[in-house]
Amino acid sequence: MEIPVLFVVGPTASGKSALALELAERTNGEIVSCDSRQIYRHMPIGTAAPTNCELERIRHHFVAELEPDQPFSAFDFFIEGRKRIAEIRKRDKPVIVAGGSGLYFSALKNGISDIPADTEIRNKLLIRLENEGNEKLFDELKEIDPQAAASRDSTKTQRVIRALEVWYASGKTMTWWQEHDKPEPFPFPYLCAGLAPDREDLYKRINTRVLDMVGAGLKKEVQTLLEKGFTSQTNALKTVGYEEYFPFFRDEYDENRVIELIQRNSRHYAKRQMTWFKKDSDVVWFNPSEPETSESVFNFWMG
């Protein structure tokens, strides 16, 4: 019987990577990272990327493959991810797709429209963002494409700018493209396992992970990225764990405040992740706080 692709999803710090590694070792499989930040180099601590030892034990895909200023979108992941999965399966290896990026998960599993892109327009919008602020651009999107605006957060400027870019590049809204350019369904059998710890346990895991990251040298990692010429405007660094350090390096607050903010923002991010994944009826949920979770997921996967 053909082994289905296994998606392992859930909020940050829920144990997805450890479970995926255990399952991959058990089945001689390979892991496809479904994390929009782990694909970038120089960011292993803040993205909780697999360690060098783990990378030697099990082959991972989409880990440390690009520089932080190289563009890589959900559509790119949709195309390249399906291609990699096909290649892995040709080698008769089980595939575990693991990560917490809801948009990447949806793009890979459900497909995503081939929506136009225009770098020149995007750069102009980024300049406008710098000069006019995110609320002005968000108000503009609400007038142009109210449906797209309703599904976006004004502070998540990348998605707002992307929707405006599509409008100015094509004369059609993001909503129109999503309705008229239907993507291909996932071409392989699959199952989706979600990890949902108890809230108290999840928050404890998040707080501990942040302390571990700081202890492992997160501040130095951010400083090195800045020394390499990357900035707070580099898209890859517009994420929890990095954004909070930029004011620190401007002497706006101390590192204790950085830690508090990363912990708080990580908890907020975890809530948004759960909201996203809970909407997907394909996901069967497991509680990693309970014993034998890995065995339960293995049996779910292998039948």
Protein backbone atom coordinates (compact mmCIF):
# COMPACT_ATOMS: atom_id res chain seq x y z
CA MET A 1 0.00 0.00 0.00
CA GLU A 2 1.28 3.43 -0.90
CA ILE A 3 2.50 5.38 2.15
CA PRO A 4 0.75 8.75 2.32
CA VAL A 5 2.62 12.00 2.79
CA LEU A 6 2.32 12.96 6.45
CA PHE A 7 1.81 16.61 7.35
CA VAL A 8 2.78 17.44 10.95
CA VAL A 9 1.43 20.87 11.89
CA GLY A 10 0.65 22.92 14.97
CA PRO A 11 1.78 25.96 16.93
CA THR A 12 5.35 26.96 17.65
CA ALA A 13 7.13 24.89 20.33
CA SER A 14 4.54 22.09 20.16
CA GLY A 15 7.14 19.44 19.28
CA LYS A 16 6.62 19.14 15.50
CA SER A 17 10.31 18.95 14.58
CA ALA A 18 11.15 16.35 17.22
CA LEU A 19 8.20 14.20 16.20
CA ALA A 20 9.04 14.49 12.50
CA LEU A 21 12.66 13.51 13.21
CA GLU A 22 11.59 10.48 15.25
CA LEU A 23 9.14 9.33 12.56
CA ALA A 24 11.68 9.88 9.78
CA GLU A 25 14.30 7.83 11.62
CA ARG A 26 11.79 5.10 12.29
CA THR A 27 10.72 4.84 8.63
CA ASN A 28 13.92 5.89 6.81
CA GLY A 29 12.00 8.90 5.54
CA GLU A 30 12.87 12.49 4.65
CA ILE A 31 11.56 15.75 6.08
CA VAL A 32 10.21 18.69 4.10
CA SER A 33 10.31 21.81 6.26
CA CYS A 34 7.08 23.78 6.09
CA ASP A 35 8.53 26.85 7.79
CA SER A 36 8.77 30.16 5.96
CA ARG A 37 11.94 31.17 7.82
CA GLN A 38 13.98 27.98 8.16
CA ILE A 39 14.74 28.14 4.44
CA TYR A 40 17.10 31.08 5.12
CA ARG A 41 20.76 30.79 6.09
CA HIS A 42 22.39 32.46 9.13
CA MET A 43 19.17 32.11 11.21
CA PRO A 44 19.25 28.67 12.88
CA ILE A 45 18.66 29.83 16.45
CA GLY A 46 15.74 32.20 15.97
CA THR A 47 13.97 29.83 13.57
CA ALA A 48 14.57 26.72 15.71
CA ALA A 49 16.07 25.07 12.65
CA PRO A 50 17.35 21.48 12.82
CA THR A 51 20.85 21.20 14.25
CA ASN A 52 23.80 20.06 12.15
CA CYS A 53 23.63 16.72 13.93
CA GLU A 54 19.95 16.33 13.04
CA LEU A 55 20.62 17.33 9.44
CA GLU A 56 23.27 14.60 9.26
CA ARG A 57 20.90 12.01 10.72
CA ILE A 58 17.94 12.75 8.42
CA ARG A 59 17.77 14.54 5.09
CA HIS A 60 15.82 17.80 5.37
CA HIS A 61 14.54 19.99 2.56
CA PHE A 62 14.06 23.78 2.58
CA VAL A 63 16.48 24.35 5.46
CA ALA A 64 19.24 26.98 5.07
CA GLU A 65 18.99 27.06 1.27
CA LEU A 66 18.65 30.82 0.61
CA GLU A 67 20.14 34.11 1.77
CA PRO A 68 17.75 36.20 3.91
CA ASP A 69 17.26 38.81 1.18
CA GLN A 70 16.34 36.26 -1.50
CA PRO A 71 12.60 36.22 -2.20
CA PHE A 72 10.71 32.98 -1.64
CA SER A 73 6.92 32.99 -1.60
CA ALA A 74 4.14 30.57 -0.72
CA PHE A 75 3.70 30.04 -4.46
CA ASP A 76 7.40 29.15 -4.78
CA PHE A 77 6.96 26.66 -1.95
CA PHE A 78 3.86 25.21 -3.66
CA ILE A 79 5.85 24.57 -6.86
CA GLU A 80 9.15 23.48 -5.33
CA GLY A 81 7.61 21.56 -2.44
CA ARG A 82 5.51 19.35 -4.69
CA LYS A 83 8.51 18.80 -6.93
CA ARG A 84 10.69 17.71 -3.99
CA ILE A 85 7.98 15.42 -2.65
CA ALA A 86 7.68 13.73 -6.05
CA GLU A 87 11.46 13.23 -6.14
CA ILE A 88 11.55 11.77 -2.63
CA ARG A 89 8.71 9.39 -3.39
CA LYS A 90 10.50 8.21 -6.55
CA ARG A 91 13.28 7.08 -4.24
CA ASP A 92 10.67 5.07 -2.26
CA LYS A 93 11.17 7.22 0.82
CA PRO A 94 8.33 8.22 3.15
CA VAL A 95 7.74 11.99 3.30
CA ILE A 96 7.01 14.00 6.44
CA VAL A 97 6.10 17.66 5.89
CA ALA A 98 6.59 19.44 9.22
CA GLY A 99 6.18 23.07 10.21
CA GLY A 100 3.96 25.80 11.51
CA SER A 101 3.62 28.18 8.56
CA GLY A 102 -0.09 27.98 7.85
CA LEU A 103 0.12 29.73 4.49
CA TYR A 104 2.88 27.39 3.27
CA PHE A 105 0.94 24.36 4.52
CA SER A 106 -2.20 25.49 2.72
CA ALA A 107 -0.29 26.35 -0.47
CA LEU A 108 1.42 22.96 -0.60
CA LYS A 109 -1.64 20.86 0.29
CA ASN A 110 -4.48 22.83 -1.32
CA GLY A 111 -2.56 24.64 -4.05
CA ILE A 112 -2.25 28.35 -4.67
CA SER A 113 -3.04 30.53 -7.66
CA ASP A 114 -0.31 31.66 -10.06
CA ILE A 115 -0.84 35.31 -9.25
CA PRO A 116 1.23 37.99 -11.04
CA ALA A 117 4.23 39.55 -9.33
CA ASP A 118 6.09 42.75 -10.13
CA THR A 119 9.28 43.60 -8.24
CA GLU A 120 9.28 47.25 -9.36
CA ILE A 121 5.74 47.81 -8.09
CA ARG A 122 6.56 46.01 -4.85
CA ASN A 123 9.60 48.21 -4.26
CA LYS A 124 7.51 51.34 -4.81
CA LEU A 125 4.96 50.05 -2.31
CA LEU A 126 7.75 49.38 0.21
CA ILE A 127 8.89 52.99 -0.16
CA ARG A 128 5.32 54.14 0.38
CA LEU A 129 5.12 51.92 3.47
CA GLU A 130 8.22 53.62 4.84
CA ASN A 131 6.85 57.11 4.13
CA GLU A 132 3.12 56.70 4.73
CA GLY A 133 2.83 53.86 7.25
CA ASN A 134 1.00 50.55 7.22
CA GLU A 135 -2.46 51.90 8.07
CA LYS A 136 -2.56 54.12 4.98
CA LEU A 137 -1.77 51.17 2.72
CA PHE A 138 -4.23 48.96 4.57
CA ASP A 139 -7.00 51.55 4.10
CA GLU A 140 -6.17 51.58 0.40
CA LEU A 141 -6.49 47.80 0.24
CA LYS A 142 -9.87 47.95 2.00
CA GLU A 143 -11.17 50.14 -0.80
CA ILE A 144 -9.61 48.10 -3.62
CA ASP A 145 -10.20 44.57 -2.31
CA PRO A 146 -12.32 44.50 0.87
CA GLN A 147 -12.41 40.68 0.92
CA ALA A 148 -8.63 40.42 0.91
CA ALA A 149 -8.38 43.14 3.57
CA ALA A 150 -10.82 41.27 5.80
CA SER A 151 -8.45 38.26 5.88
CA ARG A 152 -5.37 40.33 6.66
CA ASP A 153 -3.82 42.06 9.65
CA SER A 154 -2.68 45.64 8.94
CA THR A 155 0.53 45.01 10.90
CA LYS A 156 1.49 42.08 8.66
CA THR A 157 2.62 44.39 5.90
CA GLN A 158 4.02 41.72 3.58
CA ARG A 159 0.55 40.34 2.80
CA VAL A 160 -0.97 43.81 2.49
CA ILE A 161 1.74 44.89 0.05
CA ARG A 162 1.36 41.66 -1.90
CA ALA A 163 -2.37 42.25 -2.41
CA LEU A 164 -1.75 45.82 -3.55
CA GLU A 165 1.06 44.66 -5.83
CA VAL A 166 -1.31 42.23 -7.54
CA TRP A 167 -3.87 44.98 -8.14
CA TYR A 168 -1.39 47.44 -9.59
CA ALA A 169 0.36 44.74 -11.66
CA SER A 170 -2.74 43.18 -13.21
CA GLY A 171 -5.71 45.48 -12.70
CA LYS A 172 -7.47 42.61 -10.91
CA THR A 173 -7.75 42.01 -7.18
CA MET A 174 -6.15 39.22 -5.20
CA THR A 175 -9.67 37.92 -4.51
CA TRP A 176 -10.40 37.76 -8.26
CA TRP A 177 -7.24 35.75 -8.94
CA GLN A 178 -7.97 33.32 -6.14
CA GLU A 179 -11.48 32.73 -7.49
CA HIS A 180 -10.55 32.42 -11.18
CA ASP A 181 -7.17 30.70 -11.15
CA LYS A 182 -7.90 27.43 -9.37
CA PRO A 183 -4.78 25.46 -8.40
CA GLU A 184 -4.17 21.76 -8.90
CA PRO A 185 -5.15 19.53 -5.95
CA PHE A 186 -2.43 17.73 -4.00
CA PRO A 187 -1.27 14.90 -6.28
CA PHE A 188 -0.34 12.38 -3.58
CA PRO A 189 -2.24 10.54 -0.83
CA TYR A 190 -1.79 12.38 2.46
CA LEU A 191 -2.74 12.57 6.13
CA CYS A 192 -2.50 15.55 8.48
CA ALA A 193 -1.53 15.24 12.14
CA GLY A 194 -1.81 18.32 14.34
CA LEU A 195 -0.05 18.79 17.68
CA ALA A 196 -2.07 20.80 20.20
CA PRO A 197 -0.61 20.92 23.71
CA ASP A 198 -2.69 22.10 26.64
CA ARG A 199 -2.50 25.89 26.73
CA GLU A 200 -0.57 26.03 30.00
CA ASP A 201 1.91 23.46 28.72
CA LEU A 202 2.25 25.27 25.37
CA TYR A 203 2.99 28.61 27.02
CA LYS A 204 5.56 26.94 29.29
CA ARG A 205 7.19 25.35 26.23
CA ILE A 206 7.27 28.71 24.44
CA ASN A 207 8.77 30.58 27.40
CA THR A 208 11.42 27.88 27.88
CA ARG A 209 12.27 27.80 24.18
CA VAL A 210 12.82 31.55 24.11
CA LEU A 211 15.18 31.35 27.09
CA ASP A 212 17.03 28.49 25.38
CA MET A 213 17.36 30.54 22.18
CA VAL A 214 18.75 33.51 24.07
CA GLY A 215 21.13 31.21 25.92
CA ALA A 216 22.24 29.70 22.62
CA GLY A 217 23.23 33.13 21.27
CA LEU A 218 20.18 34.66 19.60
CA LYS A 219 21.45 38.19 20.26
CA LYS A 220 24.74 37.39 18.52
CA GLU A 221 22.84 35.81 15.62
CA VAL A 222 20.84 39.00 15.06
CA GLN A 223 23.96 41.14 15.42
CA THR A 224 25.78 39.01 12.83
CA LEU A 225 22.88 39.39 10.40
CA LEU A 226 23.08 43.17 10.80
CA GLU A 227 26.83 43.09 10.26
CA LYS A 228 26.24 41.15 7.03
CA GLY A 229 24.15 44.08 5.78
CA PHE A 230 20.66 42.76 6.43
CA THR A 231 18.24 45.19 8.10
CA SER A 232 14.89 45.37 9.84
CA GLN A 233 13.41 45.79 6.36
CA THR A 234 14.77 42.45 5.17
CA ASN A 235 11.63 40.35 4.81
CA ALA A 236 13.11 37.23 6.40
CA LEU A 237 13.83 39.22 9.58
CA LYS A 238 10.29 40.54 9.92
CA THR A 239 9.46 37.76 12.32
CA VAL A 240 9.22 37.03 16.03
CA GLY A 241 12.64 36.63 17.62
CA TYR A 242 14.34 39.12 15.32
CA GLU A 243 12.05 42.15 15.23
CA GLU A 244 12.24 42.50 19.02
CA TYR A 245 16.04 42.86 18.93
CA PHE A 246 16.19 45.84 16.56
CA PRO A 247 15.04 48.37 19.22
CA PHE A 248 17.50 46.74 21.65
CA PHE A 249 20.38 47.54 19.29
CA ARG A 250 19.06 51.12 19.12
CA ASP A 251 19.31 51.25 22.94
CA GLU A 252 15.55 51.63 23.32
CA TYR A 253 15.28 48.88 25.97
CA ASP A 254 17.32 46.15 27.62
CA GLU A 255 17.56 42.45 26.85
CA ASN A 256 15.14 41.48 29.62
CA ARG A 257 12.50 43.45 27.74
CA VAL A 258 13.53 41.70 24.51
CA ILE A 259 12.93 38.32 26.16
CA GLU A 260 9.53 39.39 27.52
CA LEU A 261 8.45 40.62 24.09
CA ILE A 262 9.62 37.51 22.25
CA GLN A 263 7.79 35.30 24.73
CA ARG A 264 4.62 37.39 24.49
CA ASN A 265 4.70 37.66 20.71
CA SER A 266 5.42 33.94 20.37
CA ARG A 267 2.33 33.17 22.45
CA HIS A 268 0.26 35.47 20.24
CA TYR A 269 1.70 33.82 17.14
CA ALA A 270 0.82 30.38 18.53
CA LYS A 271 -2.80 31.49 18.93
CA ARG A 272 -2.94 32.63 15.32
CA GLN A 273 -1.40 29.36 14.17
CA MET A 274 -4.00 27.34 16.03
CA THR A 275 -6.80 29.45 14.56
CA TRP A 276 -5.45 28.78 11.06
CA PHE A 277 -4.94 25.03 11.46
CA LYS A 278 -8.22 24.45 13.32
CA LYS A 279 -10.06 25.65 10.21
CA ASP A 280 -8.66 22.73 8.21
CA SER A 281 -10.93 19.71 8.57
CA ASP A 282 -8.18 17.38 7.30
CA VAL A 283 -6.14 17.81 10.48
CA VAL A 284 -6.50 15.11 13.14
CA TRP A 285 -5.33 16.43 16.49
CA PHE A 286 -3.01 14.87 19.05
CA ASN A 287 -1.92 16.18 22.44
CA PRO A 288 1.88 16.01 22.79
CA SER A 289 1.47 16.53 26.53
CA GLU A 290 0.16 12.97 26.74
CA PRO A 291 2.40 9.87 26.73
CA GLU A 292 2.78 7.74 23.60
CA THR A 293 1.88 10.60 21.25
CA SER A 294 4.54 9.61 18.73
CA GLU A 295 3.23 6.03 18.68
CA SER A 296 -0.31 7.30 18.18
CA VAL A 297 0.74 9.49 15.26
CA PHE A 298 2.77 6.63 13.76
CA ASN A 299 -0.22 4.29 13.92
CA PHE A 300 -2.46 7.00 12.46
CA TRP A 301 -0.01 7.43 9.57
CA MET A 302 0.72 3.79 8.85
CA GLY A 303 -2.74 2.49 9.61
